[in-house]
Amino acid sequence: MSVTAQPAALLTVDLGALVANWRDLAARVAPAACAAVVKADGYGLGAVAVARALARAGCRDFFVARLSEGLAVRDAVPESCRVTVLDGLMTGEAEIYRRRGLTPCLNDPGQVAMWSQAAARAGEKLPAALHFDTGMSRLGLSPADAASLLADTAALDGIELVTVMSHLVSSEVPDDPINAAQLAAFRGWRAAFPAVRASFANSSGIFLGAPYHFDLARPGCALYGVNPLPGKPNPMRGVATLEARILQVREIEPPQTVGYGASWRANRRTKVATVACGYADGWLRTLSGKGTAWIDGKPLPYLGRVSMDLITLDASDAPAAVPGRMVELMGPNAPVDAVADAAGTIGYEILVRLGQRFARAYIEP
């Protein structure tokens, strides 16, 4: 007789909501196309499952950060889909890209040269994206390098440019003048390649309007339910729900304390529920004393510190909080952005830190 352990914590990913978010964003940028950024393991929710669902829905362009991510997504989606790796080429990787049908994002003259040389060795044109840095000062051709390249386009011999792109710095702040400055700069570089599709808008950039859409938008966080319009109502559907199981419930009397450092002290009789989740699961310690869990519509404030494996909650007003029940840590009552605000961070970080100890369930569209 086999025995299956109940999950201590469960991460549920609503792939139907994910697909609905992608379709909403695709409609907003039409007639431009809409890609999907699935780096960081699909923002913590599982890149393979996410990419497969989006490919079935019609997405044909996927962006990842690392080569290893690109290989995983390449195996998950049809050959007709393009998988672009934002890191670009490192020494010795060109043949992997070529054999596996991955598209490198070329960020500097050295990467351009490596890909051109790989094309010469293979005797064929090789596809690439060309990244212009318009203000981020991270990856991408600097203005000086871009000017040199345009003055001697022989450096692109053997390269089939399929995308020219840049990345917005402050798109979540619509009135920031850097948005318009970047737009002008990108238009200038893009003009040298009028026949190549252009990609500029990220999640928040989509909401800056049609001038930012060009030919291909690249949403990331909005696909996964993070609000692309901070300070305004979230137009996206929630995608991830995190629940953790109550392990023990006890009542304490003043002046008893809870957790490490005795950082919380009871001033009344308090029902304490201890649940199976902690910073070893990627649940941020900065939620200590600030987060709120939920059960049957009742809020359960965090007591004391989030520890490695456990969180303690004030369940005094929640009769349903009994051992074995699950509490909601993130979901309809605790949206990812609300959790992030309590933790002093952004929704991106909450999602990408979700650990591998969680059991995972996927709701198909």
Protein backbone atom coordinates (compact mmCIF):
# COMPACT_ATOMS: atom_id res chain seq x y z
CA MET A 1 0.00 0.00 0.00
CA SER A 2 1.51 3.31 -1.07
CA VAL A 3 1.21 6.42 1.04
CA THR A 4 1.34 9.89 -0.50
CA ALA A 5 2.43 12.74 1.73
CA GLN A 6 0.23 15.80 1.82
CA PRO A 7 2.06 18.86 0.51
CA ALA A 8 3.31 21.19 3.21
CA ALA A 9 2.84 24.08 0.78
CA LEU A 10 1.23 24.27 -2.65
CA LEU A 11 1.90 26.67 -5.50
CA THR A 12 -0.98 26.67 -8.00
CA VAL A 13 -0.41 28.24 -11.42
CA ASP A 14 -3.50 29.16 -13.43
CA LEU A 15 -2.32 28.74 -17.01
CA GLY A 16 -5.72 29.92 -18.25
CA ALA A 17 -5.19 33.26 -16.52
CA LEU A 18 -1.66 33.42 -17.96
CA VAL A 19 -2.97 32.85 -21.48
CA ALA A 20 -5.73 35.41 -20.93
CA ASN A 21 -3.12 37.97 -19.88
CA TRP A 22 -1.05 37.27 -23.00
CA ARG A 23 -4.09 37.60 -25.24
CA ASP A 24 -5.05 40.87 -23.57
CA LEU A 25 -1.56 42.27 -24.11
CA ALA A 26 -1.48 40.98 -27.67
CA ALA A 27 -4.75 42.78 -28.39
CA ARG A 28 -3.33 45.99 -26.91
CA VAL A 29 -0.29 45.98 -29.21
CA ALA A 30 -1.99 44.74 -32.41
CA PRO A 31 -1.12 44.92 -35.26
CA ALA A 32 2.29 44.40 -33.65
CA ALA A 33 3.08 40.88 -32.50
CA CYS A 34 3.38 39.91 -28.85
CA ALA A 35 6.21 37.77 -27.48
CA ALA A 36 6.58 36.28 -24.00
CA VAL A 37 9.52 36.71 -21.66
CA VAL A 38 9.92 33.40 -19.80
CA LYS A 39 13.32 33.92 -18.19
CA ALA A 40 14.03 33.01 -14.55
CA ASP A 41 12.06 29.77 -14.97
CA GLY A 42 9.00 31.61 -16.22
CA TYR A 43 9.27 34.19 -13.41
CA GLY A 44 9.37 31.34 -10.90
CA LEU A 45 6.24 29.60 -12.20
CA GLY A 46 7.84 27.01 -14.49
CA ALA A 47 9.18 28.06 -17.88
CA VAL A 48 8.36 24.78 -19.63
CA ALA A 49 4.70 24.73 -18.57
CA VAL A 50 4.34 28.46 -19.23
CA ALA A 51 5.96 28.34 -22.67
CA ARG A 52 3.92 25.31 -23.74
CA ALA A 53 0.66 26.98 -22.74
CA LEU A 54 1.54 30.20 -24.52
CA ALA A 55 2.73 28.40 -27.64
CA ARG A 56 -0.60 26.55 -27.80
CA ALA A 57 -2.31 29.93 -27.52
CA GLY A 58 -0.39 31.27 -30.51
CA CYS A 59 2.72 32.91 -29.09
CA ARG A 60 5.63 32.45 -31.48
CA ASP A 61 8.44 34.43 -29.83
CA PHE A 62 10.03 33.65 -26.48
CA PHE A 63 12.81 35.52 -24.69
CA VAL A 64 15.05 34.08 -21.97
CA ALA A 65 18.12 35.39 -20.18
CA ARG A 66 20.51 32.40 -20.05
CA LEU A 67 21.56 29.84 -22.63
CA SER A 68 20.48 27.03 -20.27
CA GLU A 69 17.00 28.59 -20.13
CA GLY A 70 16.93 28.79 -23.91
CA LEU A 71 17.73 25.10 -24.26
CA ALA A 72 14.89 24.13 -21.91
CA VAL A 73 12.35 26.35 -23.69
CA ARG A 74 13.58 25.25 -27.13
CA ASP A 75 12.66 21.66 -26.22
CA ALA A 76 9.25 22.77 -24.93
CA VAL A 77 7.89 24.72 -27.91
CA PRO A 78 7.43 23.96 -31.62
CA GLU A 79 10.31 24.52 -34.02
CA SER A 80 8.29 27.32 -35.61
CA CYS A 81 8.75 29.38 -32.43
CA ARG A 82 11.79 31.62 -32.04
CA VAL A 83 13.71 31.50 -28.76
CA THR A 84 16.01 34.50 -28.20
CA VAL A 85 18.68 34.48 -25.49
CA LEU A 86 19.24 37.96 -24.08
CA ASP A 87 22.70 37.28 -22.62
CA GLY A 88 24.07 36.72 -26.09
CA LEU A 89 27.11 34.67 -27.05
CA MET A 90 29.92 33.65 -24.76
CA THR A 91 33.13 32.11 -26.11
CA GLY A 92 32.59 28.55 -27.30
CA GLU A 93 28.79 28.73 -27.38
CA ALA A 94 28.14 29.61 -31.02
CA GLU A 95 27.84 26.01 -32.19
CA ILE A 96 25.30 25.25 -29.44
CA TYR A 97 23.16 28.15 -30.60
CA ARG A 98 23.43 27.08 -34.22
CA ARG A 99 22.71 23.39 -33.68
CA ARG A 100 19.82 23.97 -31.29
CA GLY A 101 18.16 26.71 -33.31
CA LEU A 102 18.51 29.44 -30.71
CA THR A 103 18.76 33.13 -31.58
CA PRO A 104 21.44 35.10 -29.72
CA CYS A 105 20.90 38.71 -28.79
CA LEU A 106 24.14 40.42 -29.85
CA ASN A 107 25.13 43.01 -27.26
CA ASP A 108 28.64 44.13 -28.20
CA PRO A 109 31.12 44.06 -31.10
CA GLY A 110 32.76 40.91 -29.76
CA GLN A 111 29.50 38.99 -29.88
CA VAL A 112 28.80 40.30 -33.38
CA ALA A 113 32.23 39.10 -34.51
CA MET A 114 31.79 35.64 -32.94
CA TRP A 115 28.42 35.13 -34.63
CA SER A 116 29.70 36.36 -38.00
CA GLN A 117 32.63 33.95 -37.75
CA ALA A 118 30.28 31.10 -36.83
CA ALA A 119 28.22 31.88 -39.94
CA ALA A 120 31.35 31.78 -42.09
CA ARG A 121 32.34 28.39 -40.64
CA ALA A 122 28.86 26.99 -41.19
CA GLY A 123 28.55 28.46 -44.67
CA GLU A 124 25.09 29.77 -43.91
CA LYS A 125 23.30 32.87 -42.66
CA LEU A 126 22.63 32.75 -38.93
CA PRO A 127 19.76 34.63 -37.24
CA ALA A 128 20.35 37.17 -34.48
CA ALA A 129 18.79 40.02 -32.56
CA LEU A 130 20.80 43.23 -32.30
CA HIS A 131 20.48 45.11 -29.02
CA PHE A 132 21.01 48.87 -28.86
CA ASP A 133 21.53 50.39 -25.41
CA THR A 134 19.42 53.56 -25.28
CA GLY A 135 19.87 54.38 -21.60
CA MET A 136 20.00 51.29 -19.40
CA SER A 137 23.82 51.04 -19.48
CA ARG A 138 23.75 47.29 -19.00
CA LEU A 139 23.69 44.99 -22.02
CA GLY A 140 23.54 46.28 -25.57
CA LEU A 141 25.67 48.19 -28.06
CA SER A 142 26.77 51.50 -26.59
CA PRO A 143 26.13 54.54 -28.79
CA ALA A 144 29.81 54.57 -29.79
CA ASP A 145 29.84 50.87 -30.66
CA ALA A 146 26.57 51.22 -32.55
CA ALA A 147 27.93 54.13 -34.58
CA SER A 148 31.06 52.12 -35.44
CA LEU A 149 28.96 49.17 -36.54
CA LEU A 150 26.78 51.29 -38.79
CA ALA A 151 29.89 52.84 -40.32
CA ASP A 152 31.18 49.39 -41.24
CA THR A 153 28.26 47.01 -41.68
CA ALA A 154 30.63 44.36 -43.08
CA ALA A 155 30.89 43.26 -39.45
CA LEU A 156 27.38 41.84 -39.90
CA ASP A 157 28.39 39.59 -42.80
CA GLY A 158 26.72 36.20 -42.48
CA ILE A 159 24.22 37.46 -39.89
CA GLU A 160 20.52 37.51 -40.65
CA LEU A 161 19.11 40.21 -38.41
CA VAL A 162 15.63 39.16 -37.36
CA THR A 163 15.13 41.72 -34.58
CA VAL A 164 16.57 45.06 -33.51
CA MET A 165 15.71 45.92 -29.93
CA SER A 166 16.27 48.06 -26.88
CA HIS A 167 15.00 48.06 -23.31
CA LEU A 168 13.07 50.76 -21.46
CA VAL A 169 14.48 52.13 -18.22
CA SER A 170 11.44 53.70 -16.56
CA SER A 171 8.34 52.59 -18.45
CA GLU A 172 6.33 52.13 -15.24
CA VAL A 173 6.57 55.93 -14.75
CA PRO A 174 4.74 57.28 -17.81
CA ASP A 175 5.76 60.91 -17.27
CA ASP A 176 9.47 60.18 -16.89
CA PRO A 177 11.20 62.11 -19.70
CA ILE A 178 13.70 59.28 -20.18
CA ASN A 179 10.96 57.31 -21.95
CA ALA A 180 10.67 59.85 -24.75
CA ALA A 181 14.46 60.23 -24.92
CA GLN A 182 14.91 56.48 -25.29
CA LEU A 183 12.17 56.32 -27.90
CA ALA A 184 13.92 58.98 -29.99
CA ALA A 185 17.26 57.20 -29.66
CA PHE A 186 15.82 53.83 -30.62
CA ARG A 187 14.05 55.30 -33.63
CA GLY A 188 17.40 56.66 -34.77
CA TRP A 189 19.19 53.30 -34.57
CA ARG A 190 16.23 51.39 -35.96
CA ALA A 191 16.19 53.63 -39.05
CA ALA A 192 19.41 51.94 -40.20
CA PHE A 193 17.52 48.64 -40.44
CA PRO A 194 14.04 49.58 -41.71
CA ALA A 195 13.26 46.08 -43.00
CA VAL A 196 14.07 44.36 -39.70
CA ARG A 197 11.34 44.02 -37.10
CA ALA A 198 11.82 46.25 -34.07
CA SER A 199 11.10 45.42 -30.43
CA PHE A 200 11.03 47.99 -27.63
CA ALA A 201 8.08 47.74 -25.23
CA ASN A 202 8.19 45.63 -22.10
CA SER A 203 5.11 45.07 -19.90
CA SER A 204 4.73 48.65 -18.73
CA GLY A 205 5.97 49.95 -22.07
CA ILE A 206 2.92 48.44 -23.75
CA PHE A 207 0.78 50.89 -21.76
CA LEU A 208 2.84 53.88 -22.96
CA GLY A 209 0.94 53.64 -26.23
CA ALA A 210 1.35 52.80 -29.89
CA PRO A 211 4.58 54.79 -30.51
CA TYR A 212 6.37 52.31 -28.23
CA HIS A 213 4.94 49.13 -29.74
CA PHE A 214 6.90 48.92 -33.02
CA ASP A 215 6.67 45.37 -34.45
CA LEU A 216 7.07 43.12 -31.40
CA ALA A 217 6.27 43.72 -27.73
CA ARG A 218 8.11 41.74 -25.03
CA PRO A 219 5.93 41.50 -21.90
CA GLY A 220 7.25 39.67 -18.88
CA CYS A 221 5.88 40.48 -15.43
CA ALA A 222 2.37 41.39 -16.63
CA LEU A 223 1.91 37.89 -18.04
CA TYR A 224 2.27 36.52 -14.52
CA GLY A 225 -0.16 38.95 -12.86
CA VAL A 226 2.23 41.65 -11.64
CA ASN A 227 0.70 45.09 -12.06
CA PRO A 228 2.34 46.92 -15.00
CA LEU A 229 0.71 50.17 -13.83
CA PRO A 230 1.95 50.79 -10.26
CA GLY A 231 -0.43 52.99 -8.31
CA LYS A 232 -3.35 52.19 -10.62
CA PRO A 233 -5.78 49.25 -10.76
CA ASN A 234 -4.12 46.10 -12.05
CA PRO A 235 -5.45 45.24 -15.52
CA MET A 236 -3.97 41.73 -15.38
CA ARG A 237 -5.39 38.53 -13.91
CA GLY A 238 -3.73 36.85 -10.96
CA VAL A 239 -1.86 33.73 -12.04
CA ALA A 240 -0.21 32.25 -8.93
CA THR A 241 -1.70 31.16 -5.61
CA LEU A 242 0.52 30.00 -2.74
CA GLU A 243 -0.94 28.07 0.18
CA ALA A 244 0.80 26.58 3.23
CA ARG A 245 -0.47 24.02 5.71
CA ILE A 246 -1.09 24.73 9.38
CA LEU A 247 1.12 22.39 11.40
CA GLN A 248 0.18 23.38 14.94
CA VAL A 249 -2.15 25.74 16.80
CA ARG A 250 -1.70 26.89 20.39
CA GLU A 251 -2.87 29.68 22.68
CA ILE A 252 -0.40 31.85 24.54
CA GLU A 253 -0.86 34.36 27.33
CA PRO A 254 0.84 37.72 27.92
CA PRO A 255 3.75 38.30 28.13
CA GLN A 256 4.79 35.26 26.10
CA THR A 257 6.77 35.88 22.93
CA VAL A 258 6.74 34.30 19.49
CA GLY A 259 9.68 33.30 17.31
CA TYR A 260 13.37 34.12 17.12
CA GLY A 261 14.58 37.22 18.90
CA ALA A 262 11.32 37.47 20.86
CA SER A 263 10.39 40.18 18.38
CA TRP A 264 6.66 39.86 19.09
CA ARG A 265 5.12 39.80 22.57
CA ALA A 266 1.50 39.01 23.35
CA ASN A 267 -0.59 41.67 25.09
CA ARG A 268 -3.69 39.45 25.14
CA ARG A 269 -4.53 35.77 24.88
CA THR A 270 -3.52 34.91 21.33
CA LYS A 271 -4.15 31.89 19.14
CA VAL A 272 -0.94 31.17 17.23
CA ALA A 273 -1.00 29.09 14.05
CA THR A 274 2.34 27.81 12.75
CA VAL A 275 2.48 27.10 9.01
CA ALA A 276 4.94 25.25 6.81
CA CYS A 277 6.69 27.92 4.79
CA GLY A 278 9.81 30.00 5.34
CA TYR A 279 12.77 31.66 3.74
CA ALA A 280 14.18 28.25 2.70
CA ASP A 281 11.19 28.19 0.34
CA GLY A 282 12.05 31.64 -0.98
CA TRP A 283 9.43 33.40 1.15
CA LEU A 284 11.08 36.63 2.16
CA ARG A 285 12.19 37.21 5.74
CA THR A 286 11.33 40.89 5.30
CA LEU A 287 7.67 39.87 5.61
CA SER A 288 8.31 39.33 9.33
CA GLY A 289 5.65 41.16 11.30
CA LYS A 290 4.28 42.73 8.12
CA GLY A 291 2.66 40.02 6.03
CA THR A 292 -0.91 38.75 6.20
CA ALA A 293 -2.17 35.25 5.40
CA TRP A 294 -5.86 34.38 4.86
CA ILE A 295 -8.26 31.57 5.64
CA ASP A 296 -11.96 31.58 4.75
CA GLY A 297 -11.83 35.34 4.19
CA LYS A 298 -10.22 36.02 7.59
CA PRO A 299 -6.87 37.82 7.78
CA LEU A 300 -4.09 36.17 9.78
CA PRO A 301 -1.33 38.72 10.53
CA TYR A 302 2.24 37.43 10.72
CA LEU A 303 3.63 37.23 14.24
CA GLY A 304 7.35 37.57 14.84
CA ARG A 305 9.97 36.56 12.33
CA VAL A 306 9.69 34.44 9.24
CA SER A 307 12.12 31.60 9.92
CA MET A 308 13.76 29.03 7.66
CA ASP A 309 10.82 26.64 7.52
CA LEU A 310 7.96 28.26 9.43
CA ILE A 311 5.70 31.29 9.73
CA THR A 312 3.62 32.07 12.80
CA LEU A 313 0.22 33.74 12.41
CA ASP A 314 -2.33 35.41 14.66
CA ALA A 315 -5.37 33.17 14.25
CA SER A 316 -7.29 34.54 17.23
CA ASP A 317 -10.24 35.60 15.08
CA ALA A 318 -10.17 32.63 12.70
CA PRO A 319 -11.98 29.55 14.07
CA ALA A 320 -11.23 27.71 10.80
CA ALA A 321 -7.49 27.83 11.53
CA VAL A 322 -6.88 24.28 12.70
CA PRO A 323 -4.01 21.85 12.04
CA GLY A 324 -4.12 20.45 8.53
CA ARG A 325 -5.91 23.41 6.94
CA MET A 326 -4.19 25.45 4.25
CA VAL A 327 -3.81 29.21 4.51
CA GLU A 328 -3.41 31.55 1.56
CA LEU A 329 -0.07 33.37 1.52
CA MET A 330 -0.49 34.76 -1.99
CA GLY A 331 -3.56 34.75 -4.18
CA PRO A 332 -6.96 36.45 -4.50
CA ASN A 333 -6.82 37.91 -0.98
CA ALA A 334 -3.09 38.59 -1.07
CA PRO A 335 -2.12 39.67 -4.62
CA VAL A 336 1.54 39.40 -5.50
CA ASP A 337 1.96 43.19 -5.48
CA ALA A 338 0.42 43.47 -2.00
CA VAL A 339 2.81 40.79 -0.74
CA ALA A 340 5.68 42.68 -2.37
CA ASP A 341 4.65 45.97 -0.74
CA ALA A 342 4.62 44.30 2.68
CA ALA A 343 8.05 42.80 2.01
CA GLY A 344 9.50 46.10 0.78
CA THR A 345 10.23 44.82 -2.70
CA ILE A 346 8.55 44.31 -6.10
CA GLY A 347 6.29 41.58 -7.42
CA TYR A 348 9.06 40.30 -9.71
CA GLU A 349 11.20 39.30 -6.73
CA ILE A 350 8.34 37.59 -4.91
CA LEU A 351 7.67 35.36 -7.93
CA VAL A 352 11.21 34.50 -8.98
CA ARG A 353 12.16 33.48 -5.43
CA LEU A 354 9.42 30.86 -5.18
CA GLY A 355 11.33 27.74 -4.22
CA GLN A 356 11.37 24.14 -5.31
CA ARG A 357 10.06 22.72 -2.01
CA PHE A 358 6.54 23.77 -2.94
CA ALA A 359 4.33 21.17 -4.52
CA ARG A 360 3.13 22.61 -7.81
CA ALA A 361 -0.20 22.28 -9.57
CA TYR A 362 -1.07 23.66 -13.00
CA ILE A 363 -4.60 24.56 -14.02
CA GLU A 364 -4.82 24.10 -17.78
CA PRO A 365 -6.65 26.66 -19.91
